Amino acid sequence: MLCSHIRTALSARLDEEELPPGITARRLDDHLAGCRDCRQWEARTRALTAGLDRAMARTEGDAAAADALLARLKSASAWPASVSPGTLDPGGRRAG
């Protein structure tokens, strides 16, 4: 299975969404057990998600601070090369 498909599934798992068709939790875990690159991607993504959650919690109720944070996140330099920014809803979660 392609790592790009696994990473899509990992993103869904982290967002508490359904896994993509054809990928089960067991298949995902089996791939992670054997793929160091995907394990590292998952660790970086979890850390990024946790950091975003903390940052959004600090801006709760402060629209100007939230807008400034989102503007910084949208800048290309704020994102690791392996992560692309998505559209965030007002709660800081990926929209759509």
PDB file of N, CA and C in Angstrom:
ATOM      1  N   MET A   1       0.850  -1.180   0.000  1.00  0.00           N
ATOM      2  CA  MET A   1       0.000   0.000   0.000  1.00  0.00           C
ATOM      3  C   MET A   1       0.887   1.233   0.000  1.00  0.00           C
ATOM      4  N   LEU A   2       0.478   2.218  -0.750  1.00  0.00           N
ATOM      5  CA  LEU A   2       1.239   3.462  -0.839  1.00  0.00           C
ATOM      6  C   LEU A   2       1.187   4.230   0.478  1.00  0.00           C
ATOM      7  N   CYS A   3       2.337   4.784   0.848  1.00  0.00           N
ATOM      8  CA  CYS A   3       2.395   5.571   2.081  1.00  0.00           C
ATOM      9  C   CYS A   3       1.449   6.767   2.029  1.00  0.00           C
ATOM     10  N   SER A   4       1.242   7.330   0.854  1.00  0.00           N
ATOM     11  CA  SER A   4       0.331   8.483   0.757  1.00  0.00           C
ATOM     12  C   SER A   4      -1.087   8.090   1.171  1.00  0.00           C
ATOM     13  N   HIS A   5      -1.502   6.868   0.855  1.00  0.00           N
ATOM     14  CA  HIS A   5      -2.836   6.393   1.258  1.00  0.00           C
ATOM     15  C   HIS A   5      -2.879   6.182   2.773  1.00  0.00           C
ATOM     16  N   ILE A   6      -1.799   5.649   3.303  1.00  0.00           N
ATOM     17  CA  ILE A   6      -1.714   5.430   4.753  1.00  0.00           C
ATOM     18  C   ILE A   6      -1.768   6.769   5.480  1.00  0.00           C
ATOM     19  N   ARG A   7      -1.070   7.751   4.968  1.00  0.00           N
ATOM     20  CA  ARG A   7      -1.047   9.063   5.627  1.00  0.00           C
ATOM     21  C   ARG A   7      -2.405   9.748   5.561  1.00  0.00           C
ATOM     22  N   THR A   8      -3.124   9.530   4.486  1.00  0.00           N
ATOM     23  CA  THR A   8      -4.501  10.030   4.402  1.00  0.00           C
ATOM     24  C   THR A   8      -5.344   9.373   5.491  1.00  0.00           C
ATOM     25  N   ALA A   9      -5.166   8.063   5.662  1.00  0.00           N
ATOM     26  CA  ALA A   9      -5.909   7.337   6.698  1.00  0.00           C
ATOM     27  C   ALA A   9      -5.490   7.793   8.092  1.00  0.00           C
ATOM     28  N   LEU A  10      -4.204   8.034   8.288  1.00  0.00           N
ATOM     29  CA  LEU A  10      -3.733   8.523   9.591  1.00  0.00           C
ATOM     30  C   LEU A  10      -4.338   9.887   9.907  1.00  0.00           C
ATOM     31  N   SER A  11      -4.408  10.736   8.899  1.00  0.00           N
ATOM     32  CA  SER A  11      -5.018  12.048   9.089  1.00  0.00           C
ATOM     33  C   SER A  11      -6.481  11.904   9.495  1.00  0.00           C
ATOM     34  N   ALA A  12      -7.187  11.001   8.839  1.00  0.00           N
ATOM     35  CA  ALA A  12      -8.590  10.750   9.195  1.00  0.00           C
ATOM     36  C   ALA A  12      -8.699  10.244  10.621  1.00  0.00           C
ATOM     37  N   ARG A  13      -7.820   9.329  10.989  1.00  0.00           N
ATOM     38  CA  ARG A  13      -7.838   8.781  12.356  1.00  0.00           C
ATOM     39  C   ARG A  13      -7.599   9.892  13.371  1.00  0.00           C
ATOM     40  N   LEU A  14      -6.626  10.739  13.125  1.00  0.00           N
ATOM     41  CA  LEU A  14      -6.325  11.827  14.057  1.00  0.00           C
ATOM     42  C   LEU A  14      -7.474  12.820  14.174  1.00  0.00           C
ATOM     43  N   ASP A  15      -8.206  12.997  13.077  1.00  0.00           N
ATOM     44  CA  ASP A  15      -9.362  13.899  13.078  1.00  0.00           C
ATOM     45  C   ASP A  15     -10.645  13.206  13.537  1.00  0.00           C
ATOM     46  N   GLU A  16     -10.511  11.956  13.961  1.00  0.00           N
ATOM     47  CA  GLU A  16     -11.647  11.150  14.417  1.00  0.00           C
ATOM     48  C   GLU A  16     -12.708  11.018  13.333  1.00  0.00           C
ATOM     49  N   GLU A  17     -12.228  10.843  12.093  1.00  0.00           N
ATOM     50  CA  GLU A  17     -13.108  10.620  10.952  1.00  0.00           C
ATOM     51  C   GLU A  17     -13.036   9.154  10.544  1.00  0.00           C
ATOM     52  N   GLU A  18     -13.941   8.753   9.665  1.00  0.00           N
ATOM     53  CA  GLU A  18     -13.910   7.384   9.148  1.00  0.00           C
ATOM     54  C   GLU A  18     -12.660   7.196   8.293  1.00  0.00           C
ATOM     55  N   LEU A  19     -12.122   5.983   8.337  1.00  0.00           N
ATOM     56  CA  LEU A  19     -10.978   5.672   7.486  1.00  0.00           C
ATOM     57  C   LEU A  19     -11.435   5.600   6.034  1.00  0.00           C
ATOM     58  N   PRO A  20     -10.532   5.902   5.107  1.00  0.00           N
ATOM     59  CA  PRO A  20     -10.900   5.810   3.690  1.00  0.00           C
ATOM     60  C   PRO A  20     -11.285   4.384   3.310  1.00  0.00           C
ATOM     61  N   PRO A  21     -12.096   4.226   2.279  1.00  0.00           N
ATOM     62  CA  PRO A  21     -12.484   2.879   1.832  1.00  0.00           C
ATOM     63  C   PRO A  21     -11.248   2.036   1.522  1.00  0.00           C
ATOM     64  N   GLY A  22     -11.302   0.775   1.934  1.00  0.00           N
ATOM     65  CA  GLY A  22     -10.214  -0.153   1.656  1.00  0.00           C
ATOM     66  C   GLY A  22      -9.113  -0.172   2.696  1.00  0.00           C
ATOM     67  N   ILE A  23      -9.185   0.718   3.675  1.00  0.00           N
ATOM     68  CA  ILE A  23      -8.169   0.729   4.732  1.00  0.00           C
ATOM     69  C   ILE A  23      -8.855   0.483   6.065  1.00  0.00           C
ATOM     70  N   THR A  24      -8.470  -0.596   6.696  1.00  0.00           N
ATOM     71  CA  THR A  24      -8.998  -0.921   8.023  1.00  0.00           C
ATOM     72  C   THR A  24      -7.995  -0.469   9.077  1.00  0.00           C
ATOM     73  N   ALA A  25      -8.440  -0.391  10.309  1.00  0.00           N
ATOM     74  CA  ALA A  25      -7.552  -0.026  11.406  1.00  0.00           C
ATOM     75  C   ALA A  25      -6.395  -1.025  11.496  1.00  0.00           C
ATOM     76  N   ARG A  26      -6.697  -2.291  11.301  1.00  0.00           N
ATOM     77  CA  ARG A  26      -5.631  -3.306  11.377  1.00  0.00           C
ATOM     78  C   ARG A  26      -4.615  -3.117  10.253  1.00  0.00           C
ATOM     79  N   ARG A  27      -5.101  -2.854   9.053  1.00  0.00           N
ATOM     80  CA  ARG A  27      -4.194  -2.648   7.918  1.00  0.00           C
ATOM     81  C   ARG A  27      -3.315  -1.419   8.162  1.00  0.00           C
ATOM     82  N   LEU A  28      -3.905  -0.398   8.720  1.00  0.00           N
ATOM     83  CA  LEU A  28      -3.171   0.815   9.045  1.00  0.00           C
ATOM     84  C   LEU A  28      -2.089   0.520  10.084  1.00  0.00           C
ATOM     85  N   ASP A  29      -2.464  -0.165  11.154  1.00  0.00           N
ATOM     86  CA  ASP A  29      -1.510  -0.512  12.208  1.00  0.00           C
ATOM     87  C   ASP A  29      -0.404  -1.436  11.692  1.00  0.00           C
ATOM     88  N   ASP A  30      -0.756  -2.379  10.822  1.00  0.00           N
ATOM     89  CA  ASP A  30       0.252  -3.278  10.244  1.00  0.00           C
ATOM     90  C   ASP A  30       1.261  -2.493   9.410  1.00  0.00           C
ATOM     91  N   HIS A  31       0.766  -1.536   8.642  1.00  0.00           N
ATOM     92  CA  HIS A  31       1.677  -0.725   7.833  1.00  0.00           C
ATOM     93  C   HIS A  31       2.607   0.074   8.747  1.00  0.00           C
ATOM     94  N   LEU A  32       2.044   0.680   9.787  1.00  0.00           N
ATOM     95  CA  LEU A  32       2.859   1.477  10.706  1.00  0.00           C
ATOM     96  C   LEU A  32       3.935   0.634  11.378  1.00  0.00           C
ATOM     97  N   ALA A  33       3.600  -0.602  11.679  1.00  0.00           N
ATOM     98  CA  ALA A  33       4.569  -1.485  12.331  1.00  0.00           C
ATOM     99  C   ALA A  33       5.801  -1.701  11.455  1.00  0.00           C
ATOM    100  N   GLY A  34       5.618  -1.653  10.143  1.00  0.00           N
ATOM    101  CA  GLY A  34       6.729  -1.924   9.244  1.00  0.00           C
ATOM    102  C   GLY A  34       7.290  -0.719   8.512  1.00  0.00           C
ATOM    103  N   CYS A  35       6.716   0.470   8.711  1.00  0.00           N
ATOM    104  CA  CYS A  35       7.154   1.641   7.942  1.00  0.00           C
ATOM    105  C   CYS A  35       7.599   2.766   8.875  1.00  0.00           C
ATOM    106  N   ARG A  36       8.881   2.913   9.005  1.00  0.00           N
ATOM    107  CA  ARG A  36       9.449   3.936   9.883  1.00  0.00           C
ATOM    108  C   ARG A  36       9.043   5.343   9.430  1.00  0.00           C
ATOM    109  N   ASP A  37       9.026   5.587   8.119  1.00  0.00           N
ATOM    110  CA  ASP A  37       8.683   6.916   7.614  1.00  0.00           C
ATOM    111  C   ASP A  37       7.261   7.310   8.001  1.00  0.00           C
ATOM    112  N   CYS A  38       6.321   6.377   7.896  1.00  0.00           N
ATOM    113  CA  CYS A  38       4.932   6.689   8.264  1.00  0.00           C
ATOM    114  C   CYS A  38       4.783   6.861   9.777  1.00  0.00           C
ATOM    115  N   ARG A  39       5.543   6.101  10.561  1.00  0.00           N
ATOM    116  CA  ARG A  39       5.508   6.292  12.022  1.00  0.00           C
ATOM    117  C   ARG A  39       6.014   7.682  12.376  1.00  0.00           C
ATOM    118  N   GLN A  40       7.079   8.128  11.712  1.00  0.00           N
ATOM    119  CA  GLN A  40       7.608   9.467  11.972  1.00  0.00           C
ATOM    120  C   GLN A  40       6.610  10.534  11.520  1.00  0.00           C
ATOM    121  N   TRP A  41       5.970  10.313  10.370  1.00  0.00           N
ATOM    122  CA  TRP A  41       4.965  11.251   9.887  1.00  0.00           C
ATOM    123  C   TRP A  41       3.829  11.361  10.894  1.00  0.00           C
ATOM    124  N   GLU A  42       3.390  10.215  11.417  1.00  0.00           N
ATOM    125  CA  GLU A  42       2.311  10.224  12.403  1.00  0.00           C
ATOM    126  C   GLU A  42       2.728  10.990  13.656  1.00  0.00           C
ATOM    127  N   ALA A  43       3.942  10.765  14.131  1.00  0.00           N
ATOM    128  CA  ALA A  43       4.416  11.457  15.334  1.00  0.00           C
ATOM    129  C   ALA A  43       4.468  12.967  15.113  1.00  0.00           C
ATOM    130  N   ARG A  44       4.992  13.401  13.957  1.00  0.00           N
ATOM    131  CA  ARG A  44       5.046  14.842  13.661  1.00  0.00           C
ATOM    132  C   ARG A  44       3.644  15.428  13.544  1.00  0.00           C
ATOM    133  N   THR A  45       2.743  14.682  12.920  1.00  0.00           N
ATOM    134  CA  THR A  45       1.378  15.168  12.738  1.00  0.00           C
ATOM    135  C   THR A  45       0.653  15.262  14.071  1.00  0.00           C
ATOM    136  N   ARG A  46       0.850  14.272  14.940  1.00  0.00           N
ATOM    137  CA  ARG A  46       0.247  14.336  16.280  1.00  0.00           C
ATOM    138  C   ARG A  46       0.773  15.552  17.052  1.00  0.00           C
ATOM    139  N   ALA A  47       2.071  15.791  16.964  1.00  0.00           N
ATOM    140  CA  ALA A  47       2.662  16.933  17.663  1.00  0.00           C
ATOM    141  C   ALA A  47       2.114  18.245  17.104  1.00  0.00           C
ATOM    142  N   LEU A  48       2.011  18.340  15.793  1.00  0.00           N
ATOM    143  CA  LEU A  48       1.464  19.540  15.169  1.00  0.00           C
ATOM    144  C   LEU A  48       0.011  19.753  15.584  1.00  0.00           C
ATOM    145  N   THR A  49      -0.777  18.687  15.576  1.00  0.00           N
ATOM    146  CA  THR A  49      -2.183  18.776  15.972  1.00  0.00           C
ATOM    147  C   THR A  49      -2.310  19.228  17.424  1.00  0.00           C
ATOM    148  N   ALA A  50      -1.491  18.657  18.301  1.00  0.00           N
ATOM    149  CA  ALA A  50      -1.533  19.039  19.716  1.00  0.00           C
ATOM    150  C   ALA A  50      -1.149  20.509  19.887  1.00  0.00           C
ATOM    151  N   GLY A  51      -0.140  20.950  19.152  1.00  0.00           N
ATOM    152  CA  GLY A  51       0.277  22.353  19.221  1.00  0.00           C
ATOM    153  C   GLY A  51      -0.812  23.292  18.725  1.00  0.00           C
ATOM    154  N   LEU A  52      -1.455  22.906  17.639  1.00  0.00           N
ATOM    155  CA  LEU A  52      -2.561  23.720  17.126  1.00  0.00           C
ATOM    156  C   LEU A  52      -3.712  23.778  18.121  1.00  0.00           C
ATOM    157  N   ASP A  53      -4.023  22.646  18.729  1.00  0.00           N
ATOM    158  CA  ASP A  53      -5.099  22.621  19.726  1.00  0.00           C
ATOM    159  C   ASP A  53      -4.788  23.557  20.890  1.00  0.00           C
ATOM    160  N   ARG A  54      -3.520  23.523  21.369  1.00  0.00           N
ATOM    161  CA  ARG A  54      -3.129  24.400  22.472  1.00  0.00           C
ATOM    162  C   ARG A  54      -3.199  25.866  22.052  1.00  0.00           C
ATOM    163  N   ALA A  55      -2.718  26.162  20.849  1.00  0.00           N
ATOM    164  CA  ALA A  55      -2.733  27.551  20.370  1.00  0.00           C
ATOM    165  C   ALA A  55      -4.164  28.053  20.206  1.00  0.00           C
ATOM    166  N   MET A  56      -5.031  27.223  19.653  1.00  0.00           N
ATOM    167  CA  MET A  56      -6.422  27.653  19.471  1.00  0.00           C
ATOM    168  C   MET A  56      -7.112  27.827  20.828  1.00  0.00           C
ATOM    169  N   ALA A  57      -6.773  26.995  21.804  1.00  0.00           N
ATOM    170  CA  ALA A  57      -7.372  27.136  23.138  1.00  0.00           C
ATOM    171  C   ALA A  57      -6.968  28.476  23.755  1.00  0.00           C
ATOM    172  N   ARG A  58      -5.721  28.893  23.507  1.00  0.00           N
ATOM    173  CA  ARG A  58      -5.259  30.178  24.052  1.00  0.00           C
ATOM    174  C   ARG A  58      -5.945  31.365  23.385  1.00  0.00           C
ATOM    175  N   THR A  59      -6.441  31.176  22.167  1.00  0.00           N
ATOM    176  CA  THR A  59      -7.101  32.285  21.463  1.00  0.00           C
ATOM    177  C   THR A  59      -8.617  32.234  21.596  1.00  0.00           C
ATOM    178  N   GLU A  60      -9.132  31.263  22.333  1.00  0.00           N
ATOM    179  CA  GLU A  60     -10.581  31.114  22.512  1.00  0.00           C
ATOM    180  C   GLU A  60     -11.194  32.432  22.977  1.00  0.00           C
ATOM    181  N   GLY A  61     -12.187  32.900  22.241  1.00  0.00           N
ATOM    182  CA  GLY A  61     -12.882  34.127  22.608  1.00  0.00           C
ATOM    183  C   GLY A  61     -12.162  35.392  22.174  1.00  0.00           C
ATOM    184  N   ASP A  62     -10.995  35.260  21.573  1.00  0.00           N
ATOM    185  CA  ASP A  62     -10.231  36.420  21.125  1.00  0.00           C
ATOM    186  C   ASP A  62     -10.089  36.330  19.608  1.00  0.00           C
ATOM    187  N   ALA A  63     -11.057  36.886  18.889  1.00  0.00           N
ATOM    188  CA  ALA A  63     -11.111  36.755  17.431  1.00  0.00           C
ATOM    189  C   ALA A  63      -9.857  37.308  16.763  1.00  0.00           C
ATOM    190  N   ALA A  64      -9.331  38.408  17.256  1.00  0.00           N
ATOM    191  CA  ALA A  64      -8.142  39.004  16.653  1.00  0.00           C
ATOM    192  C   ALA A  64      -6.936  38.075  16.799  1.00  0.00           C
ATOM    193  N   ALA A  65      -6.793  37.469  17.968  1.00  0.00           N
ATOM    194  CA  ALA A  65      -5.679  36.546  18.194  1.00  0.00           C
ATOM    195  C   ALA A  65      -5.837  35.301  17.324  1.00  0.00           C
ATOM    196  N   ALA A  66      -7.062  34.813  17.199  1.00  0.00           N
ATOM    197  CA  ALA A  66      -7.312  33.636  16.362  1.00  0.00           C
ATOM    198  C   ALA A  66      -7.006  33.942  14.905  1.00  0.00           C
ATOM    199  N   ASP A  67      -7.409  35.110  14.423  1.00  0.00           N
ATOM    200  CA  ASP A  67      -7.130  35.505  13.044  1.00  0.00           C
ATOM    201  C   ASP A  67      -5.630  35.625  12.810  1.00  0.00           C
ATOM    202  N   ALA A  68      -4.908  36.194  13.773  1.00  0.00           N
ATOM    203  CA  ALA A  68      -3.460  36.333  13.639  1.00  0.00           C
ATOM    204  C   ALA A  68      -2.784  34.961  13.608  1.00  0.00           C
ATOM    205  N   LEU A  69      -3.246  34.045  14.446  1.00  0.00           N
ATOM    206  CA  LEU A  69      -2.697  32.694  14.460  1.00  0.00           C
ATOM    207  C   LEU A  69      -2.937  32.002  13.128  1.00  0.00           C
ATOM    208  N   LEU A  70      -4.157  32.076  12.616  1.00  0.00           N
ATOM    209  CA  LEU A  70      -4.469  31.434  11.338  1.00  0.00           C
ATOM    210  C   LEU A  70      -3.656  32.049  10.199  1.00  0.00           C
ATOM    211  N   ALA A  71      -3.436  33.349  10.226  1.00  0.00           N
ATOM    212  CA  ALA A  71      -2.630  33.996   9.190  1.00  0.00           C
ATOM    213  C   ALA A  71      -1.199  33.479   9.228  1.00  0.00           C
ATOM    214  N   ARG A  72      -0.650  33.330  10.429  1.00  0.00           N
ATOM    215  CA  ARG A  72       0.709  32.792  10.556  1.00  0.00           C
ATOM    216  C   ARG A  72       0.778  31.365  10.057  1.00  0.00           C
ATOM    217  N   LEU A  73      -0.244  30.563  10.368  1.00  0.00           N
ATOM    218  CA  LEU A  73      -0.245  29.169   9.952  1.00  0.00           C
ATOM    219  C   LEU A  73      -0.347  29.027   8.448  1.00  0.00           C
ATOM    220  N   LYS A  74      -1.015  29.964   7.802  1.00  0.00           N
ATOM    221  CA  LYS A  74      -1.179  29.890   6.353  1.00  0.00           C
ATOM    222  C   LYS A  74       0.097  30.254   5.603  1.00  0.00           C
ATOM    223  N   SER A  75       1.019  30.903   6.283  1.00  0.00           N
ATOM    224  CA  SER A  75       2.274  31.246   5.609  1.00  0.00           C
ATOM    225  C   SER A  75       3.073  29.968   5.369  1.00  0.00           C
ATOM    226  N   ALA A  76       3.674  29.868   4.232  1.00  0.00           N
ATOM    227  CA  ALA A  76       4.395  28.646   3.842  1.00  0.00           C
ATOM    228  C   ALA A  76       5.487  28.284   4.836  1.00  0.00           C
ATOM    229  N   SER A  77       6.121  29.258   5.444  1.00  0.00           N
ATOM    230  CA  SER A  77       7.231  28.963   6.348  1.00  0.00           C
ATOM    231  C   SER A  77       6.766  28.334   7.656  1.00  0.00           C
ATOM    232  N   ALA A  78       5.491  28.434   7.976  1.00  0.00           N
ATOM    233  CA  ALA A  78       4.989  27.889   9.237  1.00  0.00           C
ATOM    234  C   ALA A  78       4.743  26.391   9.175  1.00  0.00           C
ATOM    235  N   TRP A  79       4.747  25.808   7.967  1.00  0.00           N
ATOM    236  CA  TRP A  79       4.388  24.402   7.805  1.00  0.00           C
ATOM    237  C   TRP A  79       5.592  23.560   7.453  1.00  0.00           C
ATOM    238  N   PRO A  80       5.764  22.410   8.125  1.00  0.00           N
ATOM    239  CA  PRO A  80       6.811  21.481   7.704  1.00  0.00           C
ATOM    240  C   PRO A  80       6.545  21.049   6.264  1.00  0.00           C
ATOM    241  N   ALA A  81       7.582  20.701   5.541  1.00  0.00           N
ATOM    242  CA  ALA A  81       7.450  20.333   4.138  1.00  0.00           C
ATOM    243  C   ALA A  81       6.470  19.182   3.927  1.00  0.00           C
ATOM    244  N   SER A  82       6.336  18.299   4.906  1.00  0.00           N
ATOM    245  CA  SER A  82       5.482  17.126   4.735  1.00  0.00           C
ATOM    246  C   SER A  82       4.021  17.400   5.075  1.00  0.00           C
ATOM    247  N   VAL A  83       3.695  18.614   5.488  1.00  0.00           N
ATOM    248  CA  VAL A  83       2.322  18.946   5.880  1.00  0.00           C
ATOM    249  C   VAL A  83       1.856  20.141   5.077  1.00  0.00           C
ATOM    250  N   SER A  84       0.684  20.051   4.476  1.00  0.00           N
ATOM    251  CA  SER A  84       0.137  21.218   3.797  1.00  0.00           C
ATOM    252  C   SER A  84      -1.041  21.757   4.570  1.00  0.00           C
ATOM    253  N   PRO A  85      -1.149  23.062   4.648  1.00  0.00           N
ATOM    254  CA  PRO A  85      -2.248  23.645   5.393  1.00  0.00           C
ATOM    255  C   PRO A  85      -3.578  23.387   4.701  1.00  0.00           C
ATOM    256  N   GLY A  86      -4.600  23.192   5.486  1.00  0.00           N
ATOM    257  CA  GLY A  86      -5.948  23.045   4.962  1.00  0.00           C
ATOM    258  C   GLY A  86      -6.780  24.212   5.461  1.00  0.00           C
ATOM    259  N   THR A  87      -7.982  24.272   5.031  1.00  0.00           N
ATOM    260  CA  THR A  87      -8.880  25.321   5.482  1.00  0.00           C
ATOM    261  C   THR A  87      -9.384  24.954   6.866  1.00  0.00           C
ATOM    262  N   LEU A  88      -9.320  25.874   7.793  1.00  0.00           N
ATOM    263  CA  LEU A  88      -9.754  25.618   9.158  1.00  0.00           C
ATOM    264  C   LEU A  88     -11.101  26.282   9.394  1.00  0.00           C
ATOM    265  N   ASP A  89     -11.939  25.588  10.159  1.00  0.00           N
ATOM    266  CA  ASP A  89     -13.196  26.209  10.539  1.00  0.00           C
ATOM    267  C   ASP A  89     -12.921  27.127  11.738  1.00  0.00           C
ATOM    268  N   PRO A  90     -13.900  27.890  12.200  1.00  0.00           N
ATOM    269  CA  PRO A  90     -13.649  28.827  13.292  1.00  0.00           C
ATOM    270  C   PRO A  90     -13.143  28.168  14.580  1.00  0.00           C
ATOM    271  N   GLY A  91     -13.399  26.883  14.744  1.00  0.00           N
ATOM    272  CA  GLY A  91     -12.902  26.178  15.924  1.00  0.00           C
ATOM    273  C   GLY A  91     -11.502  25.650  15.751  1.00  0.00           C
ATOM    274  N   GLY A  92     -10.883  25.896  14.603  1.00  0.00           N
ATOM    275  CA  GLY A  92      -9.509  25.462  14.377  1.00  0.00           C
ATOM    276  C   GLY A  92      -9.399  24.074  13.799  1.00  0.00           C
ATOM    277  N   ARG A  93     -10.527  23.456  13.467  1.00  0.00           N
ATOM    278  CA  ARG A  93     -10.510  22.118  12.877  1.00  0.00           C
ATOM    279  C   ARG A  93     -10.571  22.236  11.369  1.00  0.00           C
ATOM    280  N   ARG A  94     -10.042  21.223  10.714  1.00  0.00           N
ATOM    281  CA  ARG A  94     -10.071  21.222   9.249  1.00  0.00           C
ATOM    282  C   ARG A  94     -11.515  21.195   8.773  1.00  0.00           C
ATOM    283  N   ALA A  95     -11.866  22.103   7.899  1.00  0.00           N
ATOM    284  CA  ALA A  95     -13.219  22.184   7.375  1.00  0.00           C
ATOM    285  C   ALA A  95     -13.388  21.213   6.210  1.00  0.00           C
ATOM    286  N   GLY A  96     -14.626  20.740   6.038  1.00  0.00           N
ATOM    287  CA  GLY A  96     -14.941  19.904   4.874  1.00  0.00           C
ATOM    288  C   GLY A  96     -14.782  18.521   5.126  1.00  0.00           C
TER     289      GLY A  96
END
